[in-house]
Amino acid sequence: MAKVAVTGAGGFIGAYLARALADAGHEVLALDNYARGRPERLAGAAANLHPVTCDVRDEAELRRLFDGVEAVFHLAAINGTENFYKQPKLVLDVGVRGALAVAEACNAAGVPAMIFASSAEVYQTPAKVPTDETAPLLLPDSLNPRYSYGGSKIISELIAFNYCRDTVAKVQCFRPHNVYGPDMGYKHVIPQLIAKIAAAVADGSNTVTLQGDGSETRAFCYVDDIVSGIIAMWERGAHMNVYHIGSMEEVTVLTLARQIASSMGAEVTFVAGEAPAGATPRRCPDIAKMRALGYEPAVSLAEGVARTVAWYKANPAPTGGNELL
């Protein structure tokens, strides 16, 4: 069993990962400043999970906290597509300065393993789908604030591999693809569709306008499968490597929307709407590299959507709450 640290542990994936590591017997420092994450996500966790309030950009504090830590999982970021457009400065500040602070703190503290969370957003519109880890990273338009997130993740990968290649024994980046599940926040496609469908039923219109025409495809991966992949990569993956973690169950957004409506017991009509600038038409990872480590997603889209819908029906979006949720 190891002493590990998870940054962004109050976030969606971070909380699931921190709890899974603690349940496996590791001593977990769960770091977050709760600007976007929520402490409730860690409530009732195992006694070996220790929540610590810390800003990921505070290098001096990270150096102190990382003393004796055997692995750092760096997940802290400002995620959520809506935030990319509305909060690009903050997205870049947390993404880039946070990555620098974590890398330097790992070097100073002598941390033997450093795992950085990247994103499928580093590709934008890949030339080949399913996409493997060798695809070129791309920033198509520096004027579009959407790319604040993808750009920060490209920089973070460069920081991880070039600041720590000779000082940290195991450096890895994982690129999660379209993670979803209960308590993922309210500014992602699945919770937004749940809210739109519920509103259409409530107002009697029974009509939901999509972002785009619904032909865009994604391969959604349930959060428990993502977490099992991260842990498998850490335990069995190689130094100085990038891994795709996700599912290859590719579906159109319209198919996803109909699956959500079915899980809600709602009969609605979906109509095309305006697509956000810079949206990717097709995304699906090639996960052969992770499969070689014994990874395989276990939760189907139908089952995962049903679980997610049930949570959001019980926990509708707050009003007047944190703008970054």
Protein backbone atom coordinates (compact mmCIF):
# COMPACT_ATOMS: atom_id res chain seq x y z
CA MET A 1 0.00 0.00 0.00
CA ALA A 2 1.25 3.48 -0.88
CA LYS A 3 0.88 7.05 0.28
CA VAL A 4 -0.55 8.96 -2.68
CA ALA A 5 -1.90 12.42 -3.46
CA VAL A 6 -4.78 13.35 -5.77
CA THR A 7 -5.15 16.96 -6.90
CA GLY A 8 -8.65 18.01 -7.85
CA ALA A 9 -10.01 15.39 -5.46
CA GLY A 10 -13.22 17.35 -4.97
CA GLY A 11 -13.88 17.18 -8.71
CA PHE A 12 -15.83 14.55 -10.59
CA ILE A 13 -13.16 12.05 -11.65
CA GLY A 14 -10.86 13.10 -8.81
CA ALA A 15 -13.37 12.16 -6.13
CA TYR A 16 -14.11 8.76 -7.66
CA LEU A 17 -10.36 8.11 -8.01
CA ALA A 18 -9.49 9.25 -4.48
CA ARG A 19 -12.20 7.07 -2.97
CA ALA A 20 -11.17 4.04 -5.06
CA LEU A 21 -7.53 4.40 -4.03
CA ALA A 22 -8.55 4.69 -0.37
CA ASP A 23 -10.85 1.69 -0.66
CA ALA A 24 -7.89 -0.28 -2.06
CA GLY A 25 -5.97 0.48 1.13
CA HIS A 26 -3.75 3.37 0.03
CA GLU A 27 -3.28 6.42 2.24
CA VAL A 28 -4.74 9.25 0.16
CA LEU A 29 -4.15 12.99 0.45
CA ALA A 30 -7.21 14.45 -1.32
CA LEU A 31 -6.26 17.99 -2.41
CA ASP A 32 -8.69 20.62 -3.67
CA ASN A 33 -9.42 24.31 -3.11
CA TYR A 34 -13.14 23.73 -3.83
CA ALA A 35 -13.44 26.60 -6.31
CA ARG A 36 -15.22 24.07 -8.52
CA GLY A 37 -15.04 20.76 -6.66
CA ARG A 38 -17.31 19.95 -3.74
CA PRO A 39 -16.28 18.52 -0.36
CA GLU A 40 -19.53 16.51 -0.27
CA ARG A 41 -18.06 14.21 -2.91
CA LEU A 42 -15.59 12.94 -0.31
CA ALA A 43 -18.06 12.66 2.56
CA GLY A 44 -18.16 9.25 4.21
CA ALA A 45 -14.96 8.07 2.54
CA ALA A 46 -12.61 5.57 4.18
CA ALA A 47 -10.61 6.82 7.18
CA ASN A 48 -7.38 6.60 5.17
CA LEU A 49 -8.59 9.38 2.85
CA HIS A 50 -7.47 12.77 4.17
CA PRO A 51 -9.08 15.88 2.60
CA VAL A 52 -6.66 18.82 2.38
CA THR A 53 -7.69 22.30 1.24
CA CYS A 54 -4.97 23.50 -1.14
CA ASP A 55 -4.72 25.53 -4.35
CA VAL A 56 -2.90 23.47 -6.98
CA ARG A 57 -0.98 26.61 -8.05
CA ASP A 58 0.66 26.91 -4.60
CA GLU A 59 4.00 25.20 -5.28
CA ALA A 60 5.42 25.76 -1.79
CA GLU A 61 2.44 24.09 -0.14
CA LEU A 62 2.53 21.23 -2.63
CA ARG A 63 6.21 20.61 -1.86
CA ARG A 64 5.34 20.29 1.82
CA LEU A 65 2.37 18.00 1.19
CA PHE A 66 4.22 15.75 -1.28
CA ASP A 67 6.96 14.86 1.22
CA GLY A 68 6.89 11.06 1.53
CA VAL A 69 4.24 10.65 -1.20
CA GLU A 70 4.87 7.75 -3.58
CA ALA A 71 2.52 8.81 -6.40
CA VAL A 72 0.82 12.06 -7.39
CA PHE A 73 -2.32 11.96 -9.54
CA HIS A 74 -2.77 15.46 -10.99
CA LEU A 75 -6.39 15.98 -12.01
CA ALA A 76 -7.05 19.56 -10.88
CA ALA A 77 -8.46 21.65 -13.74
CA ILE A 78 -11.40 23.83 -14.71
CA ASN A 79 -13.43 21.43 -16.84
CA GLY A 80 -16.87 21.74 -18.44
CA THR A 81 -17.39 22.88 -22.03
CA GLU A 82 -19.41 25.92 -20.98
CA ASN A 83 -16.52 27.05 -18.79
CA PHE A 84 -14.09 26.83 -21.73
CA TYR A 85 -16.08 29.52 -23.52
CA LYS A 86 -16.93 31.68 -20.49
CA GLN A 87 -13.84 31.31 -18.25
CA PRO A 88 -10.85 30.80 -20.61
CA LYS A 89 -8.42 32.87 -18.54
CA LEU A 90 -9.14 30.84 -15.42
CA VAL A 91 -9.02 27.58 -17.38
CA LEU A 92 -5.53 28.44 -18.62
CA ASP A 93 -4.31 29.80 -15.29
CA VAL A 94 -5.27 26.70 -13.32
CA GLY A 95 -4.22 24.34 -16.11
CA VAL A 96 -0.78 25.75 -16.87
CA ARG A 97 0.33 27.18 -13.53
CA GLY A 98 -1.08 24.14 -11.75
CA ALA A 99 0.88 21.76 -13.98
CA LEU A 100 4.10 23.71 -13.41
CA ALA A 101 3.58 23.77 -9.65
CA VAL A 102 2.84 20.03 -9.46
CA ALA A 103 5.82 19.07 -11.62
CA GLU A 104 8.25 21.24 -9.68
CA ALA A 105 6.86 20.04 -6.34
CA CYS A 106 7.23 16.40 -7.41
CA ASN A 107 10.85 17.07 -8.37
CA ALA A 108 11.61 18.85 -5.10
CA ALA A 109 9.92 16.21 -2.93
CA GLY A 110 11.42 13.25 -4.80
CA VAL A 111 8.06 11.75 -5.74
CA PRO A 112 8.71 8.48 -7.66
CA ALA A 113 5.50 8.43 -9.77
CA MET A 114 3.61 11.33 -11.35
CA ILE A 115 0.38 10.78 -13.30
CA PHE A 116 -1.10 13.72 -15.22
CA ALA A 117 -4.66 13.89 -16.52
CA SER A 118 -4.77 15.13 -20.09
CA SER A 119 -7.85 15.14 -22.35
CA ALA A 120 -9.28 14.06 -25.69
CA GLU A 121 -9.58 17.81 -26.35
CA VAL A 122 -5.88 17.82 -27.32
CA TYR A 123 -6.89 16.41 -30.73
CA GLN A 124 -9.91 18.58 -31.54
CA THR A 125 -10.77 16.98 -34.92
CA PRO A 126 -8.45 13.97 -35.38
CA ALA A 127 -7.73 12.74 -38.89
CA LYS A 128 -8.26 9.11 -37.88
CA VAL A 129 -11.12 7.71 -35.77
CA PRO A 130 -10.81 5.56 -33.66
CA THR A 131 -7.81 7.60 -32.60
CA ASP A 132 -4.67 6.16 -31.03
CA GLU A 133 -2.11 7.92 -28.87
CA THR A 134 0.19 8.78 -31.80
CA ALA A 135 -2.25 11.21 -33.45
CA PRO A 136 -0.87 14.77 -33.74
CA LEU A 137 -2.03 17.21 -31.08
CA LEU A 138 -3.78 20.21 -32.56
CA LEU A 139 -4.78 23.76 -31.59
CA PRO A 140 -6.74 24.98 -34.64
CA ASP A 141 -7.59 28.54 -33.60
CA SER A 142 -6.03 30.54 -30.76
CA LEU A 143 -8.86 33.08 -31.03
CA ASN A 144 -11.53 30.54 -30.02
CA PRO A 145 -11.77 30.41 -26.20
CA ARG A 146 -12.94 26.80 -26.39
CA TYR A 147 -9.34 25.75 -26.95
CA SER A 148 -8.22 27.22 -23.64
CA TYR A 149 -8.75 23.78 -22.13
CA GLY A 150 -7.25 21.66 -24.90
CA GLY A 151 -4.33 24.08 -25.14
CA SER A 152 -3.69 23.90 -21.41
CA LYS A 153 -3.66 20.09 -21.60
CA ILE A 154 -1.14 20.08 -24.45
CA ILE A 155 1.10 22.34 -22.38
CA SER A 156 0.57 20.13 -19.31
CA GLU A 157 1.76 17.05 -21.18
CA LEU A 158 4.88 18.92 -22.31
CA ILE A 159 5.51 20.03 -18.73
CA ALA A 160 5.07 16.53 -17.32
CA PHE A 161 7.37 14.82 -19.80
CA ASN A 162 10.04 17.51 -20.04
CA TYR A 163 10.26 18.80 -16.47
CA CYS A 164 10.30 15.31 -14.94
CA ARG A 165 11.66 12.80 -17.46
CA ASP A 166 15.01 12.50 -15.65
CA THR A 167 13.86 13.19 -12.09
CA VAL A 168 10.70 11.11 -11.62
CA ALA A 169 10.90 7.32 -12.08
CA LYS A 170 7.46 6.98 -13.65
CA VAL A 171 5.82 9.82 -15.59
CA GLN A 172 2.51 9.09 -17.33
CA CYS A 173 -0.32 11.04 -18.93
CA PHE A 174 -3.78 9.63 -19.55
CA ARG A 175 -6.30 11.06 -21.99
CA PRO A 176 -9.82 10.26 -20.78
CA HIS A 177 -12.56 10.29 -23.41
CA ASN A 178 -16.04 11.62 -22.62
CA VAL A 179 -16.32 10.51 -19.02
CA TYR A 180 -19.78 10.56 -17.45
CA GLY A 181 -21.63 9.35 -14.40
CA PRO A 182 -23.49 10.49 -11.29
CA ASP A 183 -22.45 13.86 -9.84
CA MET A 184 -20.40 14.98 -12.84
CA GLY A 185 -21.55 18.60 -12.55
CA TYR A 186 -24.18 20.40 -14.59
CA LYS A 187 -22.24 21.88 -17.55
CA HIS A 188 -21.65 18.75 -19.60
CA VAL A 189 -23.72 17.23 -22.39
CA ILE A 190 -25.44 14.44 -20.43
CA PRO A 191 -26.67 16.50 -17.43
CA GLN A 192 -27.65 19.31 -19.81
CA LEU A 193 -29.71 16.90 -21.90
CA ILE A 194 -31.35 15.51 -18.75
CA ALA A 195 -32.28 19.06 -17.70
CA LYS A 196 -33.58 19.96 -21.18
CA ILE A 197 -35.72 16.83 -21.42
CA ALA A 198 -37.16 17.40 -17.94
CA ALA A 199 -37.97 21.03 -18.84
CA ALA A 200 -39.62 20.04 -22.14
CA VAL A 201 -41.86 17.57 -20.33
CA ALA A 202 -42.68 20.07 -17.59
CA ASP A 203 -43.67 22.89 -19.97
CA GLY A 204 -45.64 20.57 -22.23
CA SER A 205 -43.65 21.38 -25.37
CA ASN A 206 -42.04 17.91 -25.43
CA THR A 207 -39.42 19.34 -27.82
CA VAL A 208 -35.69 19.51 -27.13
CA THR A 209 -33.25 21.52 -29.21
CA LEU A 210 -29.85 19.90 -29.57
CA GLN A 211 -26.51 21.64 -29.99
CA GLY A 212 -25.92 20.70 -33.61
CA ASP A 213 -27.96 18.22 -35.62
CA GLY A 214 -27.25 15.19 -33.43
CA SER A 215 -25.02 13.44 -35.96
CA GLU A 216 -21.87 14.18 -33.95
CA THR A 217 -20.46 11.02 -32.37
CA ARG A 218 -18.77 10.31 -29.07
CA ALA A 219 -17.67 7.20 -27.18
CA PHE A 220 -18.86 7.79 -23.62
CA CYS A 221 -17.15 5.97 -20.77
CA TYR A 222 -18.63 5.48 -17.30
CA VAL A 223 -16.57 7.01 -14.52
CA ASP A 224 -15.92 3.72 -12.67
CA ASP A 225 -14.32 2.33 -15.82
CA ILE A 226 -12.14 5.42 -16.20
CA VAL A 227 -10.93 5.08 -12.61
CA SER A 228 -10.11 1.38 -13.01
CA GLY A 229 -8.12 2.33 -16.10
CA ILE A 230 -6.14 5.04 -14.30
CA ILE A 231 -5.17 2.62 -11.55
CA ALA A 232 -4.25 -0.13 -14.05
CA MET A 233 -2.08 2.35 -15.96
CA TRP A 234 -0.28 3.41 -12.76
CA GLU A 235 0.28 -0.17 -11.63
CA ARG A 236 1.19 -1.78 -14.97
CA GLY A 237 1.89 1.00 -17.45
CA ALA A 238 5.29 2.26 -18.58
CA HIS A 239 7.35 5.36 -17.79
CA MET A 240 7.14 8.27 -20.28
CA ASN A 241 3.93 7.04 -21.87
CA VAL A 242 0.50 8.36 -22.86
CA TYR A 243 -2.58 6.15 -22.58
CA HIS A 244 -6.13 6.56 -23.87
CA ILE A 245 -8.69 5.57 -21.27
CA GLY A 246 -12.25 5.24 -22.44
CA SER A 247 -14.71 3.09 -24.33
CA MET A 248 -15.04 2.26 -28.02
CA GLU A 249 -18.87 2.16 -27.87
CA GLU A 250 -19.32 5.07 -30.31
CA VAL A 251 -22.79 6.61 -30.64
CA THR A 252 -24.32 9.74 -32.13
CA VAL A 253 -25.45 12.51 -29.81
CA LEU A 254 -29.01 11.91 -31.05
CA THR A 255 -28.77 8.24 -30.03
CA LEU A 256 -27.46 9.34 -26.65
CA ALA A 257 -30.32 11.83 -26.25
CA ARG A 258 -32.90 9.17 -27.07
CA GLN A 259 -31.26 6.78 -24.58
CA ILE A 260 -31.49 9.46 -21.88
CA ALA A 261 -35.14 10.17 -22.69
CA SER A 262 -35.92 6.45 -22.57
CA SER A 263 -34.26 6.16 -19.15
CA MET A 264 -36.35 9.11 -17.97
CA GLY A 265 -39.56 7.62 -19.35
CA ALA A 266 -40.02 10.77 -21.44
CA GLU A 267 -41.51 11.00 -24.93
CA VAL A 268 -39.91 14.03 -26.58
CA THR A 269 -38.91 15.17 -30.05
CA PHE A 270 -35.35 16.28 -30.75
CA VAL A 271 -34.67 19.07 -33.25
CA ALA A 272 -31.42 20.42 -34.64
CA GLY A 273 -29.92 23.57 -33.19
CA GLU A 274 -26.82 25.69 -33.64
CA ALA A 275 -23.55 23.87 -32.97
CA PRO A 276 -20.98 25.68 -30.80
CA ALA A 277 -17.96 27.01 -32.69
CA GLY A 278 -15.13 24.50 -32.73
CA ALA A 279 -17.19 21.46 -31.78
CA THR A 280 -15.64 18.14 -32.82
CA PRO A 281 -17.84 16.11 -35.24
CA ARG A 282 -16.51 12.67 -34.29
CA ARG A 283 -14.53 11.26 -31.37
CA CYS A 284 -13.68 7.71 -30.35
CA PRO A 285 -10.45 6.44 -28.80
CA ASP A 286 -8.45 3.41 -29.81
CA ILE A 287 -7.85 1.72 -26.43
CA ALA A 288 -5.60 -1.12 -27.65
CA LYS A 289 -2.70 0.17 -25.56
CA MET A 290 -4.79 0.00 -22.36
CA ARG A 291 -6.23 -3.38 -23.33
CA ALA A 292 -2.66 -4.68 -23.42
CA LEU A 293 -2.52 -3.82 -19.70
CA GLY A 294 -5.68 -5.86 -19.04
CA TYR A 295 -8.12 -2.94 -19.08
CA GLU A 296 -11.65 -3.33 -20.45
CA PRO A 297 -14.63 -1.05 -19.76
CA ALA A 298 -17.39 -2.97 -18.00
CA VAL A 299 -20.40 -0.61 -17.86
CA SER A 300 -22.51 -0.33 -21.02
CA LEU A 301 -23.88 3.02 -22.14
CA ALA A 302 -27.45 1.90 -21.38
CA GLU A 303 -26.56 0.90 -17.81
CA GLY A 304 -24.39 3.96 -17.20
CA VAL A 305 -27.01 6.36 -18.51
CA ALA A 306 -29.67 4.74 -16.31
CA ARG A 307 -27.49 5.20 -13.22
CA THR A 308 -26.68 8.78 -14.19
CA VAL A 309 -30.29 9.74 -14.91
CA ALA A 310 -31.36 8.33 -11.55
CA TRP A 311 -28.81 10.50 -9.75
CA TYR A 312 -29.74 13.69 -11.60
CA LYS A 313 -33.45 13.14 -11.09
CA ALA A 314 -32.72 13.02 -7.36
CA ASN A 315 -30.26 15.95 -7.56
CA PRO A 316 -31.49 18.59 -10.03
CA ALA A 317 -29.26 21.54 -10.93
CA PRO A 318 -29.01 24.09 -8.09
CA THR A 319 -30.21 27.66 -8.65
CA GLY A 320 -27.96 30.55 -7.77
CA GLY A 321 -25.10 28.17 -7.01
CA ASN A 322 -21.46 27.93 -8.04
CA GLU A 323 -21.09 29.19 -11.62
CA LEU A 324 -18.28 26.71 -12.20
CA LEU A 325 -20.22 23.54 -11.32
